[in-house]
């Protein structure tokens, strides 16, 4: 298996989490990641083999999202149904409620702050990689993420603390 294939496989979970954070819908995240992988494979020759693949794919995914979803104003609510049909504990419902609060607060963030936080917290990118994806200096990403976390922590919840502590 080539280095490209290995990196692509390793990037998929982070790509899906990032796609879900953008769309807030499982099916749309699946479609977005599938389209991202398809475009990545088509443009494989444009990838610089000495560069990491995941940041390049994150940029492709973000551009696809911008082209298809944001321009259409499509924003789905985070699905909180019990997809596996099993019993859900009270603690799990409390976690879902806290997640809903954080996701709603994220919606209130300026888009630039939300994008930077999503790339770092959900996409698993370093600040440097996020700066490359957003085409801004690393200091700009640092300040955007810091401001986003400060906003989310004004009414701190355990989930918000988890986002604050990522990278």
N, C-alpha and C. Protein backbone atom coordinates (compact mmCIF):
# COMPACT_ATOMS: atom_id res chain seq x y z
N UNK A 1 0.85 -1.18 0.00
CA UNK A 1 0.00 0.00 0.00
C UNK A 1 0.90 1.24 0.00
N UNK A 2 0.59 2.22 -0.84
CA UNK A 2 1.42 3.41 -0.97
C UNK A 2 1.23 4.35 0.21
N UNK A 3 2.16 5.29 0.36
CA UNK A 3 2.05 6.29 1.41
C UNK A 3 0.79 7.12 1.27
N UNK A 4 0.40 7.38 0.03
CA UNK A 4 -0.83 8.11 -0.24
C UNK A 4 -2.03 7.36 0.34
N UNK A 5 -2.11 6.07 0.04
CA UNK A 5 -3.24 5.26 0.51
C UNK A 5 -3.27 5.17 2.03
N UNK A 6 -2.13 5.01 2.66
CA UNK A 6 -2.05 4.93 4.12
C UNK A 6 -2.53 6.24 4.75
N UNK A 7 -2.03 7.35 4.22
CA UNK A 7 -2.42 8.65 4.77
C UNK A 7 -3.91 8.92 4.55
N UNK A 8 -4.42 8.50 3.40
CA UNK A 8 -5.85 8.69 3.12
C UNK A 8 -6.69 7.93 4.13
N UNK A 9 -6.35 6.68 4.38
CA UNK A 9 -7.11 5.87 5.34
C UNK A 9 -7.04 6.46 6.74
N UNK A 10 -5.87 6.92 7.14
CA UNK A 10 -5.72 7.50 8.47
C UNK A 10 -6.49 8.81 8.62
N UNK A 11 -6.67 9.54 7.54
CA UNK A 11 -7.35 10.84 7.59
C UNK A 11 -8.87 10.72 7.65
N UNK A 12 -9.43 9.58 7.25
CA UNK A 12 -10.88 9.46 7.14
C UNK A 12 -11.66 9.77 8.41
N UNK A 13 -11.28 9.24 9.59
CA UNK A 13 -12.07 9.58 10.79
C UNK A 13 -12.08 11.08 11.09
N UNK A 14 -10.93 11.74 10.95
CA UNK A 14 -10.87 13.18 11.19
C UNK A 14 -11.67 13.95 10.14
N UNK A 15 -11.60 13.50 8.90
CA UNK A 15 -12.39 14.14 7.84
C UNK A 15 -13.88 14.03 8.14
N UNK A 16 -14.30 12.85 8.59
CA UNK A 16 -15.73 12.68 8.87
C UNK A 16 -16.16 13.56 10.05
N UNK A 17 -15.36 13.59 11.12
CA UNK A 17 -15.71 14.44 12.27
C UNK A 17 -15.80 15.90 11.85
N UNK A 18 -14.83 16.33 11.05
CA UNK A 18 -14.84 17.70 10.57
C UNK A 18 -16.06 17.95 9.67
N UNK A 19 -16.34 17.02 8.77
CA UNK A 19 -17.52 17.15 7.91
C UNK A 19 -18.81 17.20 8.71
N UNK A 20 -18.89 16.39 9.75
CA UNK A 20 -20.09 16.40 10.60
C UNK A 20 -20.19 17.71 11.37
N UNK A 21 -19.06 18.24 11.81
CA UNK A 21 -19.12 19.52 12.54
C UNK A 21 -19.59 20.64 11.62
N UNK A 22 -19.31 20.53 10.33
CA UNK A 22 -19.77 21.54 9.39
C UNK A 22 -21.24 21.37 9.04
N UNK A 23 -21.66 20.14 8.77
CA UNK A 23 -23.02 19.90 8.28
C UNK A 23 -24.03 19.61 9.38
N UNK A 24 -23.56 19.03 10.48
CA UNK A 24 -24.40 18.61 11.61
C UNK A 24 -25.45 17.57 11.17
N UNK A 25 -25.05 16.75 10.21
CA UNK A 25 -25.95 15.72 9.71
C UNK A 25 -25.10 14.54 9.23
N UNK A 26 -25.45 13.33 9.71
CA UNK A 26 -24.64 12.15 9.36
C UNK A 26 -24.60 11.89 7.86
N UNK A 27 -25.73 11.92 7.21
CA UNK A 27 -25.79 11.62 5.78
C UNK A 27 -25.03 12.66 4.96
N UNK A 28 -25.20 13.94 5.31
CA UNK A 28 -24.50 14.99 4.58
C UNK A 28 -22.99 14.90 4.81
N UNK A 29 -22.59 14.54 6.04
CA UNK A 29 -21.16 14.37 6.33
C UNK A 29 -20.61 13.21 5.50
N UNK A 30 -21.36 12.11 5.43
CA UNK A 30 -20.93 10.98 4.61
C UNK A 30 -20.74 11.40 3.16
N UNK A 31 -21.72 12.14 2.61
CA UNK A 31 -21.64 12.59 1.22
C UNK A 31 -20.46 13.54 1.01
N UNK A 32 -20.26 14.43 1.96
CA UNK A 32 -19.17 15.39 1.85
C UNK A 32 -17.81 14.70 1.85
N UNK A 33 -17.64 13.73 2.76
CA UNK A 33 -16.38 13.00 2.81
C UNK A 33 -16.19 12.16 1.55
N UNK A 34 -17.25 11.52 1.10
CA UNK A 34 -17.14 10.73 -0.13
C UNK A 34 -16.73 11.60 -1.31
N UNK A 35 -17.35 12.77 -1.43
CA UNK A 35 -16.99 13.68 -2.51
C UNK A 35 -15.55 14.17 -2.36
N UNK A 36 -15.13 14.39 -1.13
CA UNK A 36 -13.76 14.83 -0.86
C UNK A 36 -12.76 13.75 -1.28
N UNK A 37 -13.04 12.50 -0.92
CA UNK A 37 -12.14 11.40 -1.28
C UNK A 37 -12.10 11.23 -2.80
N UNK A 38 -13.26 11.33 -3.42
CA UNK A 38 -13.32 11.19 -4.87
C UNK A 38 -12.49 12.28 -5.55
N UNK A 39 -12.63 13.52 -5.08
CA UNK A 39 -11.86 14.62 -5.66
C UNK A 39 -10.36 14.45 -5.38
N UNK A 40 -10.04 13.98 -4.16
CA UNK A 40 -8.64 13.75 -3.81
C UNK A 40 -8.02 12.71 -4.74
N UNK A 41 -8.74 11.64 -5.01
CA UNK A 41 -8.23 10.60 -5.90
C UNK A 41 -8.07 11.11 -7.33
N UNK A 42 -9.02 11.93 -7.77
CA UNK A 42 -8.93 12.49 -9.12
C UNK A 42 -7.75 13.44 -9.26
N UNK A 43 -7.44 14.16 -8.19
CA UNK A 43 -6.37 15.16 -8.25
C UNK A 43 -5.09 14.68 -7.56
N UNK A 44 -4.96 13.39 -7.42
CA UNK A 44 -3.82 12.79 -6.72
C UNK A 44 -2.49 13.29 -7.26
N UNK A 45 -2.39 13.51 -8.54
CA UNK A 45 -1.13 13.96 -9.14
C UNK A 45 -0.76 15.38 -8.71
N UNK A 46 -1.71 16.15 -8.19
CA UNK A 46 -1.44 17.51 -7.74
C UNK A 46 -0.86 17.53 -6.32
N UNK A 47 -1.01 16.42 -5.60
CA UNK A 47 -0.52 16.35 -4.23
C UNK A 47 0.99 16.28 -4.22
N UNK A 48 1.60 17.02 -3.32
CA UNK A 48 3.04 16.98 -3.17
C UNK A 48 3.38 15.85 -2.22
N UNK A 49 4.06 14.85 -2.71
CA UNK A 49 4.31 13.62 -1.94
C UNK A 49 5.08 13.86 -0.65
N UNK A 50 5.82 14.95 -0.54
CA UNK A 50 6.56 15.21 0.69
C UNK A 50 5.73 15.97 1.73
N UNK A 51 4.50 16.34 1.38
CA UNK A 51 3.62 17.06 2.30
C UNK A 51 2.58 16.10 2.87
N UNK A 52 2.10 16.37 4.10
CA UNK A 52 1.04 15.52 4.65
C UNK A 52 -0.25 15.65 3.83
N UNK A 53 -0.95 14.56 3.69
CA UNK A 53 -2.16 14.52 2.88
C UNK A 53 -3.38 15.11 3.59
N UNK A 54 -3.49 14.88 4.91
CA UNK A 54 -4.71 15.29 5.64
C UNK A 54 -5.02 16.78 5.52
N UNK A 55 -4.07 17.70 5.71
CA UNK A 55 -4.42 19.11 5.56
C UNK A 55 -4.92 19.46 4.15
N UNK A 56 -4.32 18.83 3.15
CA UNK A 56 -4.76 19.07 1.78
C UNK A 56 -6.21 18.60 1.60
N UNK A 57 -6.52 17.44 2.17
CA UNK A 57 -7.89 16.92 2.08
C UNK A 57 -8.87 17.78 2.87
N UNK A 58 -8.43 18.31 4.02
CA UNK A 58 -9.30 19.19 4.81
C UNK A 58 -9.66 20.44 4.01
N UNK A 59 -8.70 20.95 3.26
CA UNK A 59 -8.96 22.12 2.43
C UNK A 59 -9.95 21.78 1.33
N UNK A 60 -9.79 20.62 0.73
CA UNK A 60 -10.75 20.17 -0.30
C UNK A 60 -12.14 20.05 0.32
N UNK A 61 -12.22 19.43 1.49
CA UNK A 61 -13.52 19.24 2.15
C UNK A 61 -14.15 20.59 2.48
N UNK A 62 -13.37 21.52 3.01
CA UNK A 62 -13.90 22.84 3.33
C UNK A 62 -14.39 23.55 2.08
N UNK A 63 -13.65 23.46 1.00
CA UNK A 63 -14.08 24.10 -0.25
C UNK A 63 -15.36 23.46 -0.78
N UNK A 64 -15.45 22.15 -0.69
CA UNK A 64 -16.69 21.48 -1.11
C UNK A 64 -17.87 21.94 -0.27
N UNK A 65 -17.66 22.03 1.04
CA UNK A 65 -18.72 22.50 1.93
C UNK A 65 -19.14 23.91 1.56
N UNK A 66 -18.17 24.77 1.38
CA UNK A 66 -18.49 26.15 1.02
C UNK A 66 -19.29 26.20 -0.28
N UNK A 67 -18.87 25.44 -1.26
CA UNK A 67 -19.54 25.45 -2.56
C UNK A 67 -20.95 24.91 -2.50
N UNK A 68 -21.15 23.84 -1.74
CA UNK A 68 -22.43 23.13 -1.79
C UNK A 68 -23.41 23.46 -0.68
N UNK A 69 -22.91 23.63 0.52
CA UNK A 69 -23.81 23.73 1.66
C UNK A 69 -24.00 25.15 2.15
N UNK A 70 -22.94 25.84 2.41
CA UNK A 70 -23.08 27.17 2.98
C UNK A 70 -23.80 28.11 2.02
N UNK A 71 -23.50 28.02 0.73
CA UNK A 71 -24.14 28.90 -0.23
C UNK A 71 -25.63 28.63 -0.33
N UNK A 72 -26.04 27.43 0.01
CA UNK A 72 -27.45 27.08 -0.02
C UNK A 72 -28.13 27.34 1.31
N UNK A 73 -27.35 27.75 2.31
CA UNK A 73 -27.92 28.01 3.62
C UNK A 73 -28.39 26.76 4.33
N UNK A 74 -27.84 25.60 3.95
CA UNK A 74 -28.29 24.34 4.53
C UNK A 74 -27.58 24.09 5.84
N UNK A 75 -28.31 24.11 6.92
CA UNK A 75 -27.77 23.83 8.25
C UNK A 75 -28.75 22.91 8.95
N UNK A 76 -28.37 21.70 9.12
CA UNK A 76 -29.22 20.75 9.83
C UNK A 76 -28.90 20.80 11.31
N UNK A 77 -29.87 20.42 12.12
CA UNK A 77 -29.65 20.30 13.56
C UNK A 77 -28.86 19.04 13.83
N UNK A 78 -28.12 19.05 14.91
CA UNK A 78 -27.38 17.85 15.29
C UNK A 78 -28.40 16.78 15.66
N UNK A 79 -28.34 15.61 15.02
CA UNK A 79 -29.27 14.57 15.36
C UNK A 79 -28.92 13.96 16.72
N UNK A 80 -29.91 13.90 17.58
CA UNK A 80 -29.67 13.36 18.91
C UNK A 80 -30.50 12.12 19.17
N UNK A 81 -31.00 11.49 18.13
CA UNK A 81 -31.77 10.28 18.32
C UNK A 81 -30.84 9.13 18.67
N UNK A 82 -31.40 8.14 19.29
CA UNK A 82 -30.63 6.96 19.66
C UNK A 82 -30.61 6.05 18.45
N UNK A 83 -29.52 6.09 17.68
CA UNK A 83 -29.45 5.36 16.42
C UNK A 83 -29.29 3.86 16.58
N UNK A 84 -28.83 3.41 17.73
CA UNK A 84 -28.52 2.00 17.88
C UNK A 84 -29.64 1.21 18.52
N UNK A 85 -30.73 1.87 18.89
CA UNK A 85 -31.90 1.18 19.39
C UNK A 85 -31.78 0.69 20.82
N UNK A 86 -30.66 0.83 21.46
CA UNK A 86 -30.48 0.39 22.84
C UNK A 86 -30.94 1.45 23.82
N UNK A 87 -30.95 1.08 25.09
CA UNK A 87 -31.33 2.02 26.13
C UNK A 87 -30.23 3.07 26.29
N UNK A 88 -30.65 4.29 26.58
CA UNK A 88 -29.71 5.38 26.79
C UNK A 88 -29.77 5.79 28.25
N UNK A 89 -28.63 5.84 28.90
CA UNK A 89 -28.59 6.20 30.31
C UNK A 89 -28.86 7.68 30.50
N UNK A 90 -29.22 8.06 31.72
CA UNK A 90 -29.45 9.47 32.04
C UNK A 90 -28.18 10.27 31.80
N UNK A 91 -27.03 9.70 32.12
CA UNK A 91 -25.76 10.40 31.91
C UNK A 91 -25.53 10.67 30.43
N UNK A 92 -25.89 9.71 29.58
CA UNK A 92 -25.72 9.91 28.14
C UNK A 92 -26.63 11.03 27.64
N UNK A 93 -27.85 11.09 28.13
CA UNK A 93 -28.77 12.17 27.73
C UNK A 93 -28.23 13.51 28.20
N UNK A 94 -27.63 13.55 29.41
CA UNK A 94 -27.05 14.79 29.91
C UNK A 94 -25.89 15.22 29.02
N UNK A 95 -25.06 14.26 28.60
CA UNK A 95 -23.96 14.57 27.69
C UNK A 95 -24.48 15.12 26.37
N UNK A 96 -25.57 14.53 25.86
CA UNK A 96 -26.15 15.01 24.61
C UNK A 96 -26.69 16.42 24.77
N UNK A 97 -27.31 16.70 25.91
CA UNK A 97 -27.81 18.04 26.17
C UNK A 97 -26.67 19.05 26.22
N UNK A 98 -25.57 18.67 26.86
CA UNK A 98 -24.41 19.56 26.93
C UNK A 98 -23.80 19.76 25.54
N UNK A 99 -23.76 18.70 24.75
CA UNK A 99 -23.25 18.82 23.39
C UNK A 99 -24.14 19.75 22.57
N UNK A 100 -25.45 19.63 22.73
CA UNK A 100 -26.38 20.51 22.01
C UNK A 100 -26.12 21.97 22.38
N UNK A 101 -25.88 22.24 23.66
CA UNK A 101 -25.61 23.61 24.11
C UNK A 101 -24.34 24.13 23.43
N UNK A 102 -23.28 23.32 23.43
CA UNK A 102 -22.02 23.75 22.83
C UNK A 102 -22.19 23.97 21.32
N UNK A 103 -22.87 23.05 20.64
CA UNK A 103 -23.06 23.19 19.20
C UNK A 103 -23.88 24.45 18.89
N UNK A 104 -24.89 24.74 19.72
CA UNK A 104 -25.67 25.96 19.51
C UNK A 104 -24.81 27.20 19.75
N UNK A 105 -23.94 27.14 20.75
CA UNK A 105 -23.04 28.27 21.03
C UNK A 105 -22.03 28.41 19.90
N UNK A 106 -21.61 27.32 19.31
CA UNK A 106 -20.67 27.39 18.18
C UNK A 106 -21.32 28.10 16.99
N UNK A 107 -22.61 27.90 16.84
CA UNK A 107 -23.32 28.56 15.74
C UNK A 107 -23.26 30.08 15.88
N UNK A 108 -23.13 30.57 17.13
CA UNK A 108 -23.08 32.00 17.38
C UNK A 108 -21.69 32.60 17.13
N UNK A 109 -20.69 31.76 16.97
CA UNK A 109 -19.33 32.25 16.74
C UNK A 109 -19.22 32.89 15.36
N UNK A 110 -18.35 33.89 15.23
CA UNK A 110 -18.06 34.38 13.87
C UNK A 110 -17.52 33.22 13.04
N UNK A 111 -17.83 33.22 11.77
CA UNK A 111 -17.47 32.10 10.90
C UNK A 111 -15.97 31.81 10.92
N UNK A 112 -15.15 32.85 10.95
CA UNK A 112 -13.71 32.64 10.93
C UNK A 112 -13.23 31.91 12.19
N UNK A 113 -13.82 32.25 13.34
CA UNK A 113 -13.46 31.56 14.58
C UNK A 113 -13.96 30.12 14.57
N UNK A 114 -15.18 29.92 14.09
CA UNK A 114 -15.76 28.58 14.05
C UNK A 114 -14.95 27.66 13.14
N UNK A 115 -14.54 28.16 11.98
CA UNK A 115 -13.76 27.34 11.05
C UNK A 115 -12.43 26.94 11.67
N UNK A 116 -11.75 27.88 12.30
CA UNK A 116 -10.46 27.56 12.91
C UNK A 116 -10.63 26.53 14.02
N UNK A 117 -11.63 26.71 14.87
CA UNK A 117 -11.87 25.76 15.96
C UNK A 117 -12.24 24.38 15.43
N UNK A 118 -13.06 24.33 14.41
CA UNK A 118 -13.47 23.04 13.86
C UNK A 118 -12.28 22.29 13.26
N UNK A 119 -11.41 22.98 12.57
CA UNK A 119 -10.24 22.31 11.98
C UNK A 119 -9.33 21.73 13.06
N UNK A 120 -9.16 22.47 14.16
CA UNK A 120 -8.27 22.02 15.22
C UNK A 120 -8.94 20.99 16.11
N UNK A 121 -10.17 21.28 16.57
CA UNK A 121 -10.83 20.42 17.54
C UNK A 121 -11.45 19.18 16.91
N UNK A 122 -12.09 19.31 15.76
CA UNK A 122 -12.76 18.18 15.14
C UNK A 122 -11.92 17.54 14.04
N UNK A 123 -11.18 18.37 13.30
CA UNK A 123 -10.39 17.88 12.19
C UNK A 123 -9.04 17.32 12.60
N UNK A 124 -8.61 17.61 13.82
CA UNK A 124 -7.36 17.06 14.32
C UNK A 124 -6.12 17.68 13.70
N UNK A 125 -6.24 18.87 13.13
CA UNK A 125 -5.08 19.51 12.53
C UNK A 125 -4.30 20.29 13.58
N UNK A 126 -3.02 20.47 13.32
CA UNK A 126 -2.22 21.36 14.15
C UNK A 126 -2.59 22.79 13.77
N UNK A 127 -2.16 23.73 14.60
CA UNK A 127 -2.42 25.13 14.27
C UNK A 127 -1.77 25.51 12.93
N UNK A 128 -0.59 25.00 12.70
CA UNK A 128 0.12 25.29 11.45
C UNK A 128 -0.65 24.73 10.25
N UNK A 129 -1.13 23.50 10.37
CA UNK A 129 -1.90 22.90 9.27
C UNK A 129 -3.21 23.65 9.05
N UNK A 130 -3.87 24.05 10.13
CA UNK A 130 -5.12 24.82 10.00
C UNK A 130 -4.84 26.15 9.31
N UNK A 131 -3.72 26.78 9.64
CA UNK A 131 -3.35 28.04 8.99
C UNK A 131 -3.17 27.84 7.49
N UNK A 132 -2.56 26.73 7.10
CA UNK A 132 -2.39 26.44 5.68
C UNK A 132 -3.73 26.23 4.98
N UNK A 133 -4.63 25.50 5.65
CA UNK A 133 -5.95 25.25 5.06
C UNK A 133 -6.72 26.55 4.89
N UNK A 134 -6.69 27.41 5.91
CA UNK A 134 -7.45 28.66 5.87
C UNK A 134 -6.71 29.79 5.13
N UNK A 135 -5.44 29.51 4.79
CA UNK A 135 -4.61 30.49 4.09
C UNK A 135 -4.48 31.79 4.87
N UNK A 136 -4.17 31.64 6.18
CA UNK A 136 -3.93 32.77 7.07
C UNK A 136 -2.68 32.47 7.89
N UNK A 137 -2.07 33.48 8.50
CA UNK A 137 -0.90 33.22 9.35
C UNK A 137 -1.28 32.38 10.57
N UNK A 138 -0.32 31.65 11.12
CA UNK A 138 -0.57 30.80 12.27
C UNK A 138 -1.05 31.61 13.47
N UNK A 139 -0.54 32.82 13.64
CA UNK A 139 -0.98 33.68 14.74
C UNK A 139 -2.46 34.00 14.66
N UNK A 140 -2.96 34.13 13.45
CA UNK A 140 -4.39 34.39 13.24
C UNK A 140 -5.22 33.19 13.70
N UNK A 141 -4.76 32.00 13.36
CA UNK A 141 -5.46 30.78 13.80
C UNK A 141 -5.43 30.70 15.33
N UNK A 142 -4.27 30.95 15.92
CA UNK A 142 -4.15 30.90 17.39
C UNK A 142 -5.14 31.85 18.04
N UNK A 143 -5.23 33.07 17.54
CA UNK A 143 -6.14 34.03 18.17
C UNK A 143 -7.60 33.67 17.91
N UNK A 144 -7.92 33.17 16.72
CA UNK A 144 -9.30 32.78 16.43
C UNK A 144 -9.75 31.62 17.32
N UNK A 145 -8.90 30.62 17.47
CA UNK A 145 -9.24 29.48 18.31
C UNK A 145 -9.36 29.93 19.77
N UNK A 146 -8.45 30.77 20.21
CA UNK A 146 -8.50 31.27 21.58
C UNK A 146 -9.79 32.04 21.85
N UNK A 147 -10.17 32.91 20.94
CA UNK A 147 -11.41 33.68 21.10
C UNK A 147 -12.63 32.77 21.07
N UNK A 148 -12.61 31.78 20.18
CA UNK A 148 -13.73 30.84 20.10
C UNK A 148 -13.88 30.06 21.41
N UNK A 149 -12.78 29.56 21.94
CA UNK A 149 -12.83 28.82 23.20
C UNK A 149 -13.28 29.70 24.34
N UNK A 150 -12.81 30.96 24.37
CA UNK A 150 -13.23 31.89 25.41
C UNK A 150 -14.73 32.10 25.35
N UNK A 151 -15.27 32.24 24.14
CA UNK A 151 -16.71 32.42 23.98
C UNK A 151 -17.47 31.18 24.47
N UNK A 152 -17.00 30.01 24.09
CA UNK A 152 -17.67 28.78 24.50
C UNK A 152 -17.60 28.57 26.01
N UNK A 153 -16.57 29.08 26.65
CA UNK A 153 -16.38 28.87 28.08
C UNK A 153 -16.98 29.96 28.95
N UNK A 154 -17.67 30.93 28.36
CA UNK A 154 -18.29 31.96 29.18
C UNK A 154 -19.35 31.35 30.07
N UNK A 155 -20.02 30.35 29.60
CA UNK A 155 -20.93 29.54 30.41
C UNK A 155 -20.43 28.11 30.28
N UNK A 156 -19.31 27.83 30.95
CA UNK A 156 -18.58 26.58 30.76
C UNK A 156 -19.42 25.36 31.11
N UNK A 157 -19.29 24.38 30.25
CA UNK A 157 -19.87 23.06 30.49
C UNK A 157 -18.74 22.06 30.36
N UNK A 158 -18.91 20.84 30.86
CA UNK A 158 -17.84 19.85 30.70
C UNK A 158 -17.47 19.62 29.25
N UNK A 159 -18.43 19.66 28.34
CA UNK A 159 -18.13 19.45 26.93
C UNK A 159 -17.29 20.62 26.41
N UNK A 160 -17.63 21.85 26.81
CA UNK A 160 -16.87 23.00 26.36
C UNK A 160 -15.44 22.92 26.86
N UNK A 161 -15.24 22.42 28.07
CA UNK A 161 -13.88 22.26 28.58
C UNK A 161 -13.11 21.26 27.73
N UNK A 162 -13.79 20.22 27.22
CA UNK A 162 -13.14 19.26 26.36
C UNK A 162 -12.66 19.89 25.07
N UNK A 163 -13.46 20.77 24.50
CA UNK A 163 -13.05 21.45 23.28
C UNK A 163 -11.90 22.40 23.57
N UNK A 164 -11.95 23.03 24.71
CA UNK A 164 -10.89 23.97 25.08
C UNK A 164 -9.55 23.27 25.20
N UNK A 165 -9.55 22.03 25.64
CA UNK A 165 -8.29 21.35 25.92
C UNK A 165 -7.67 20.66 24.71
N UNK A 166 -8.36 20.66 23.56
CA UNK A 166 -7.82 19.99 22.38
C UNK A 166 -6.73 20.85 21.78
N UNK A 167 -5.54 20.25 21.57
CA UNK A 167 -4.36 20.88 20.96
C UNK A 167 -4.23 22.30 21.41
